[in-house]
Amino acid sequence: MITRFFQYIIRGEADRDIATIKGITPKEAPTIRVVRCPHCGAPYTKEIYKGQTSVQCEYCGTSIIIS
């Protein structure tokens, strides 16, 4: 059951439902941006989930803060 709700949020269905209730247009396409490690400059290539505040660099292990 938790997995179903998690997928509901991750797929953006929750955002679309909230936008519909509020009467605004939801964002259909996610914004794509490159996240780079501040220590080694390597790009972070894994998926970043909504609400995630930090990730770990795949190359040097530095914590990358997601703003």
PDB file of N, CA and C in Angstrom:
ATOM      1  N   MET A   1       0.812  -1.179   0.000  1.00  0.00           N
ATOM      2  CA  MET A   1       0.000   0.000   0.000  1.00  0.00           C
ATOM      3  C   MET A   1       0.866   1.257   0.000  1.00  0.00           C
ATOM      4  N   ILE A   2       1.927   1.277   0.788  1.00  0.00           N
ATOM      5  CA  ILE A   2       2.825   2.431   0.831  1.00  0.00           C
ATOM      6  C   ILE A   2       3.479   2.632  -0.526  1.00  0.00           C
ATOM      7  N   THR A   3       3.858   1.553  -1.177  1.00  0.00           N
ATOM      8  CA  THR A   3       4.475   1.651  -2.496  1.00  0.00           C
ATOM      9  C   THR A   3       3.536   2.306  -3.494  1.00  0.00           C
ATOM     10  N   ARG A   4       2.265   2.003  -3.424  1.00  0.00           N
ATOM     11  CA  ARG A   4       1.289   2.590  -4.341  1.00  0.00           C
ATOM     12  C   ARG A   4       1.236   4.109  -4.160  1.00  0.00           C
ATOM     13  N   PHE A   5       1.197   4.573  -2.905  1.00  0.00           N
ATOM     14  CA  PHE A   5       1.167   6.012  -2.638  1.00  0.00           C
ATOM     15  C   PHE A   5       2.473   6.676  -3.025  1.00  0.00           C
ATOM     16  N   PHE A   6       3.578   6.002  -2.797  1.00  0.00           N
ATOM     17  CA  PHE A   6       4.888   6.532  -3.190  1.00  0.00           C
ATOM     18  C   PHE A   6       4.925   6.732  -4.702  1.00  0.00           C
ATOM     19  N   GLN A   7       4.487   5.746  -5.454  1.00  0.00           N
ATOM     20  CA  GLN A   7       4.456   5.864  -6.915  1.00  0.00           C
ATOM     21  C   GLN A   7       3.494   6.958  -7.363  1.00  0.00           C
ATOM     22  N   TYR A   8       2.383   7.128  -6.671  1.00  0.00           N
ATOM     23  CA  TYR A   8       1.395   8.177  -6.956  1.00  0.00           C
ATOM     24  C   TYR A   8       2.050   9.552  -6.851  1.00  0.00           C
ATOM     25  N   ILE A   9       2.899   9.730  -5.865  1.00  0.00           N
ATOM     26  CA  ILE A   9       3.589  11.004  -5.673  1.00  0.00           C
ATOM     27  C   ILE A   9       4.727  11.159  -6.678  1.00  0.00           C
ATOM     28  N   ILE A  10       5.558  10.150  -6.840  1.00  0.00           N
ATOM     29  CA  ILE A  10       6.726  10.220  -7.719  1.00  0.00           C
ATOM     30  C   ILE A  10       6.327  10.455  -9.174  1.00  0.00           C
ATOM     31  N   ARG A  11       5.262   9.826  -9.632  1.00  0.00           N
ATOM     32  CA  ARG A  11       4.823   9.986 -11.026  1.00  0.00           C
ATOM     33  C   ARG A  11       4.192  11.349 -11.289  1.00  0.00           C
ATOM     34  N   GLY A  12       3.977  12.137 -10.246  1.00  0.00           N
ATOM     35  CA  GLY A  12       3.410  13.468 -10.423  1.00  0.00           C
ATOM     36  C   GLY A  12       1.901  13.514 -10.411  1.00  0.00           C
ATOM     37  N   GLU A  13       1.272  12.376 -10.164  1.00  0.00           N
ATOM     38  CA  GLU A  13      -0.190  12.344 -10.142  1.00  0.00           C
ATOM     39  C   GLU A  13      -0.740  13.190  -8.995  1.00  0.00           C
ATOM     40  N   ALA A  14      -0.069  13.190  -7.868  1.00  0.00           N
ATOM     41  CA  ALA A  14      -0.517  13.985  -6.728  1.00  0.00           C
ATOM     42  C   ALA A  14      -0.483  15.473  -7.072  1.00  0.00           C
ATOM     43  N   ASP A  15       0.597  15.907  -7.732  1.00  0.00           N
ATOM     44  CA  ASP A  15       0.700  17.317  -8.138  1.00  0.00           C
ATOM     45  C   ASP A  15      -0.411  17.702  -9.107  1.00  0.00           C
ATOM     46  N   ARG A  16      -0.715  16.818 -10.047  1.00  0.00           N
ATOM     47  CA  ARG A  16      -1.786  17.097 -11.013  1.00  0.00           C
ATOM     48  C   ARG A  16      -3.142  17.191 -10.315  1.00  0.00           C
ATOM     49  N   ASP A  17      -3.387  16.307  -9.363  1.00  0.00           N
ATOM     50  CA  ASP A  17      -4.653  16.344  -8.629  1.00  0.00           C
ATOM     51  C   ASP A  17      -4.779  17.620  -7.792  1.00  0.00           C
ATOM     52  N   ILE A  18      -3.709  18.011  -7.134  1.00  0.00           N
ATOM     53  CA  ILE A  18      -3.715  19.242  -6.339  1.00  0.00           C
ATOM     54  C   ILE A  18      -3.936  20.454  -7.238  1.00  0.00           C
ATOM     55  N   ALA A  19      -3.256  20.486  -8.391  1.00  0.00           N
ATOM     56  CA  ALA A  19      -3.420  21.600  -9.330  1.00  0.00           C
ATOM     57  C   ALA A  19      -4.860  21.679  -9.833  1.00  0.00           C
ATOM     58  N   THR A  20      -5.465  20.532 -10.098  1.00  0.00           N
ATOM     59  CA  THR A  20      -6.854  20.497 -10.553  1.00  0.00           C
ATOM     60  C   THR A  20      -7.788  21.056  -9.492  1.00  0.00           C
ATOM     61  N   ILE A  21      -7.572  20.675  -8.256  1.00  0.00           N
ATOM     62  CA  ILE A  21      -8.405  21.166  -7.152  1.00  0.00           C
ATOM     63  C   ILE A  21      -8.247  22.680  -6.995  1.00  0.00           C
ATOM     64  N   LYS A  22      -7.010  23.173  -7.135  1.00  0.00           N
ATOM     65  CA  LYS A  22      -6.749  24.605  -6.984  1.00  0.00           C
ATOM     66  C   LYS A  22      -7.129  25.399  -8.235  1.00  0.00           C
ATOM     67  N   GLY A  23      -7.387  24.705  -9.349  1.00  0.00           N
ATOM     68  CA  GLY A  23      -7.772  25.379 -10.583  1.00  0.00           C
ATOM     69  C   GLY A  23      -6.609  26.003 -11.328  1.00  0.00           C
ATOM     70  N   ILE A  24      -5.418  25.433 -11.174  1.00  0.00           N
ATOM     71  CA  ILE A  24      -4.245  25.938 -11.889  1.00  0.00           C
ATOM     72  C   ILE A  24      -3.731  24.882 -12.854  1.00  0.00           C
ATOM     73  N   THR A  25      -2.877  25.282 -13.773  1.00  0.00           N
ATOM     74  CA  THR A  25      -2.318  24.351 -14.748  1.00  0.00           C
ATOM     75  C   THR A  25      -1.099  23.657 -14.149  1.00  0.00           C
ATOM     76  N   PRO A  26      -1.108  22.326 -14.112  1.00  0.00           N
ATOM     77  CA  PRO A  26       0.056  21.611 -13.559  1.00  0.00           C
ATOM     78  C   PRO A  26       1.211  21.605 -14.550  1.00  0.00           C
ATOM     79  N   LYS A  27       2.399  21.464 -14.035  1.00  0.00           N
ATOM     80  CA  LYS A  27       3.581  21.326 -14.888  1.00  0.00           C
ATOM     81  C   LYS A  27       3.590  19.894 -15.413  1.00  0.00           C
ATOM     82  N   GLU A  28       3.607  19.741 -16.722  1.00  0.00           N
ATOM     83  CA  GLU A  28       3.589  18.387 -17.293  1.00  0.00           C
ATOM     84  C   GLU A  28       4.985  17.792 -17.421  1.00  0.00           C
ATOM     85  N   ALA A  29       5.953  18.590 -17.838  1.00  0.00           N
ATOM     86  CA  ALA A  29       7.302  18.065 -18.022  1.00  0.00           C
ATOM     87  C   ALA A  29       8.192  18.539 -16.873  1.00  0.00           C
ATOM     88  N   PRO A  30       8.965  17.617 -16.303  1.00  0.00           N
ATOM     89  CA  PRO A  30       9.850  18.042 -15.232  1.00  0.00           C
ATOM     90  C   PRO A  30      10.996  18.889 -15.769  1.00  0.00           C
ATOM     91  N   THR A  31      11.491  19.779 -14.939  1.00  0.00           N
ATOM     92  CA  THR A  31      12.634  20.596 -15.317  1.00  0.00           C
ATOM     93  C   THR A  31      13.877  19.729 -15.231  1.00  0.00           C
ATOM     94  N   ILE A  32      14.669  19.770 -16.280  1.00  0.00           N
ATOM     95  CA  ILE A  32      15.901  18.986 -16.294  1.00  0.00           C
ATOM     96  C   ILE A  32      17.065  19.926 -16.014  1.00  0.00           C
ATOM     97  N   ARG A  33      17.864  19.560 -15.052  1.00  0.00           N
ATOM     98  CA  ARG A  33      19.051  20.352 -14.753  1.00  0.00           C
ATOM     99  C   ARG A  33      20.189  19.414 -14.401  1.00  0.00           C
ATOM    100  N   VAL A  34      21.396  19.872 -14.654  1.00  0.00           N
ATOM    101  CA  VAL A  34      22.576  19.069 -14.364  1.00  0.00           C
ATOM    102  C   VAL A  34      23.048  19.410 -12.965  1.00  0.00           C
ATOM    103  N   VAL A  35      23.217  18.386 -12.158  1.00  0.00           N
ATOM    104  CA  VAL A  35      23.732  18.560 -10.804  1.00  0.00           C
ATOM    105  C   VAL A  35      25.165  18.059 -10.815  1.00  0.00           C
ATOM    106  N   ARG A  36      26.078  18.929 -10.387  1.00  0.00           N
ATOM    107  CA  ARG A  36      27.500  18.577 -10.363  1.00  0.00           C
ATOM    108  C   ARG A  36      28.024  18.574  -8.931  1.00  0.00           C
ATOM    109  N   CYS A  37      28.978  17.704  -8.702  1.00  0.00           N
ATOM    110  CA  CYS A  37      29.618  17.606  -7.401  1.00  0.00           C
ATOM    111  C   CYS A  37      30.464  18.865  -7.170  1.00  0.00           C
ATOM    112  N   PRO A  38      30.312  19.528  -6.013  1.00  0.00           N
ATOM    113  CA  PRO A  38      31.115  20.722  -5.746  1.00  0.00           C
ATOM    114  C   PRO A  38      32.585  20.408  -5.478  1.00  0.00           C
ATOM    115  N   HIS A  39      32.879  19.150  -5.176  1.00  0.00           N
ATOM    116  CA  HIS A  39      34.260  18.766  -4.856  1.00  0.00           C
ATOM    117  C   HIS A  39      35.052  18.351  -6.101  1.00  0.00           C
ATOM    118  N   CYS A  40      34.492  17.424  -6.890  1.00  0.00           N
ATOM    119  CA  CYS A  40      35.243  16.903  -8.045  1.00  0.00           C
ATOM    120  C   CYS A  40      34.676  17.351  -9.392  1.00  0.00           C
ATOM    121  N   GLY A  41      33.470  17.945  -9.396  1.00  0.00           N
ATOM    122  CA  GLY A  41      32.883  18.446 -10.635  1.00  0.00           C
ATOM    123  C   GLY A  41      32.171  17.398 -11.479  1.00  0.00           C
ATOM    124  N   ALA A  42      32.103  16.170 -10.998  1.00  0.00           N
ATOM    125  CA  ALA A  42      31.449  15.103 -11.757  1.00  0.00           C
ATOM    126  C   ALA A  42      29.927  15.314 -11.778  1.00  0.00           C
ATOM    127  N   PRO A  43      29.289  14.994 -12.903  1.00  0.00           N
ATOM    128  CA  PRO A  43      27.829  15.118 -12.942  1.00  0.00           C
ATOM    129  C   PRO A  43      27.177  13.975 -12.161  1.00  0.00           C
ATOM    130  N   TYR A  44      26.049  14.270 -11.531  1.00  0.00           N
ATOM    131  CA  TYR A  44      25.272  13.242 -10.838  1.00  0.00           C
ATOM    132  C   TYR A  44      24.278  12.700 -11.855  1.00  0.00           C
ATOM    133  N   THR A  45      24.346  11.415 -12.162  1.00  0.00           N
ATOM    134  CA  THR A  45      23.555  10.844 -13.251  1.00  0.00           C
ATOM    135  C   THR A  45      22.355  10.013 -12.812  1.00  0.00           C
ATOM    136  N   LYS A  46      22.252   9.731 -11.527  1.00  0.00           N
ATOM    137  CA  LYS A  46      21.114   8.945 -11.064  1.00  0.00           C
ATOM    138  C   LYS A  46      19.893   9.838 -10.908  1.00  0.00           C
ATOM    139  N   GLU A  47      18.717   9.221 -10.794  1.00  0.00           N
ATOM    140  CA  GLU A  47      17.478   9.971 -10.646  1.00  0.00           C
ATOM    141  C   GLU A  47      17.421  10.627  -9.265  1.00  0.00           C
ATOM    142  N   ILE A  48      16.942  11.877  -9.247  1.00  0.00           N
ATOM    143  CA  ILE A  48      16.747  12.594  -7.997  1.00  0.00           C
ATOM    144  C   ILE A  48      15.241  12.677  -7.776  1.00  0.00           C
ATOM    145  N   TYR A  49      14.793  12.158  -6.651  1.00  0.00           N
ATOM    146  CA  TYR A  49      13.365  12.097  -6.375  1.00  0.00           C
ATOM    147  C   TYR A  49      12.863  13.377  -5.733  1.00  0.00           C
ATOM    148  N   LYS A  50      11.616  13.660  -5.963  1.00  0.00           N
ATOM    149  CA  LYS A  50      10.969  14.836  -5.397  1.00  0.00           C
ATOM    150  C   LYS A  50      11.112  14.802  -3.875  1.00  0.00           C
ATOM    151  N   GLY A  51      11.505  15.917  -3.298  1.00  0.00           N
ATOM    152  CA  GLY A  51      11.662  16.007  -1.861  1.00  0.00           C
ATOM    153  C   GLY A  51      13.035  15.598  -1.354  1.00  0.00           C
ATOM    154  N   GLN A  52      13.871  15.058  -2.211  1.00  0.00           N
ATOM    155  CA  GLN A  52      15.206  14.646  -1.814  1.00  0.00           C
ATOM    156  C   GLN A  52      16.060  15.897  -1.593  1.00  0.00           C
ATOM    157  N   THR A  53      16.786  15.974  -0.483  1.00  0.00           N
ATOM    158  CA  THR A  53      17.552  17.173  -0.161  1.00  0.00           C
ATOM    159  C   THR A  53      19.045  17.039  -0.409  1.00  0.00           C
ATOM    160  N   SER A  54      19.530  15.809  -0.529  1.00  0.00           N
ATOM    161  CA  SER A  54      20.945  15.613  -0.825  1.00  0.00           C
ATOM    162  C   SER A  54      21.158  14.251  -1.484  1.00  0.00           C
ATOM    163  N   VAL A  55      22.271  14.151  -2.209  1.00  0.00           N
ATOM    164  CA  VAL A  55      22.676  12.899  -2.845  1.00  0.00           C
ATOM    165  C   VAL A  55      24.173  12.742  -2.620  1.00  0.00           C
ATOM    166  N   GLN A  56      24.674  11.549  -2.863  1.00  0.00           N
ATOM    167  CA  GLN A  56      26.096  11.299  -2.681  1.00  0.00           C
ATOM    168  C   GLN A  56      26.759  11.134  -4.048  1.00  0.00           C
ATOM    169  N   CYS A  57      27.876  11.841  -4.261  1.00  0.00           N
ATOM    170  CA  CYS A  57      28.611  11.765  -5.520  1.00  0.00           C
ATOM    171  C   CYS A  57      29.034  10.319  -5.769  1.00  0.00           C
ATOM    172  N   GLU A  58      28.800   9.864  -6.988  1.00  0.00           N
ATOM    173  CA  GLU A  58      29.127   8.491  -7.361  1.00  0.00           C
ATOM    174  C   GLU A  58      30.648   8.272  -7.462  1.00  0.00           C
ATOM    175  N   TYR A  59      31.406   9.357  -7.606  1.00  0.00           N
ATOM    176  CA  TYR A  59      32.843   9.240  -7.848  1.00  0.00           C
ATOM    177  C   TYR A  59      33.696   9.463  -6.599  1.00  0.00           C
ATOM    178  N   CYS A  60      33.417  10.541  -5.858  1.00  0.00           N
ATOM    179  CA  CYS A  60      34.265  10.848  -4.705  1.00  0.00           C
ATOM    180  C   CYS A  60      33.562  10.684  -3.363  1.00  0.00           C
ATOM    181  N   GLY A  61      32.232  10.505  -3.369  1.00  0.00           N
ATOM    182  CA  GLY A  61      31.498  10.271  -2.135  1.00  0.00           C
ATOM    183  C   GLY A  61      31.056  11.513  -1.386  1.00  0.00           C
ATOM    184  N   THR A  62      31.337  12.694  -1.949  1.00  0.00           N
ATOM    185  CA  THR A  62      30.925  13.948  -1.313  1.00  0.00           C
ATOM    186  C   THR A  62      29.411  14.087  -1.332  1.00  0.00           C
ATOM    187  N   SER A  63      28.850  14.656  -0.271  1.00  0.00           N
ATOM    188  CA  SER A  63      27.412  14.929  -0.229  1.00  0.00           C
ATOM    189  C   SER A  63      27.114  16.157  -1.066  1.00  0.00           C
ATOM    190  N   ILE A  64      26.129  16.049  -1.958  1.00  0.00           N
ATOM    191  CA  ILE A  64      25.716  17.146  -2.816  1.00  0.00           C
ATOM    192  C   ILE A  64      24.349  17.610  -2.319  1.00  0.00           C
ATOM    193  N   ILE A  65      24.261  18.860  -1.909  1.00  0.00           N
ATOM    194  CA  ILE A  65      23.001  19.423  -1.410  1.00  0.00           C
ATOM    195  C   ILE A  65      22.143  19.814  -2.607  1.00  0.00           C
ATOM    196  N   ILE A  66      20.896  19.364  -2.616  1.00  0.00           N
ATOM    197  CA  ILE A  66      19.946  19.683  -3.679  1.00  0.00           C
ATOM    198  C   ILE A  66      19.100  20.852  -3.184  1.00  0.00           C
ATOM    199  N   SER A  67      19.134  21.944  -3.932  1.00  0.00           N
ATOM    200  CA  SER A  67      18.345  23.108  -3.502  1.00  0.00           C
ATOM    201  C   SER A  67      17.132  23.295  -4.374  1.00  0.00           C
TER     202      SER A  67
END
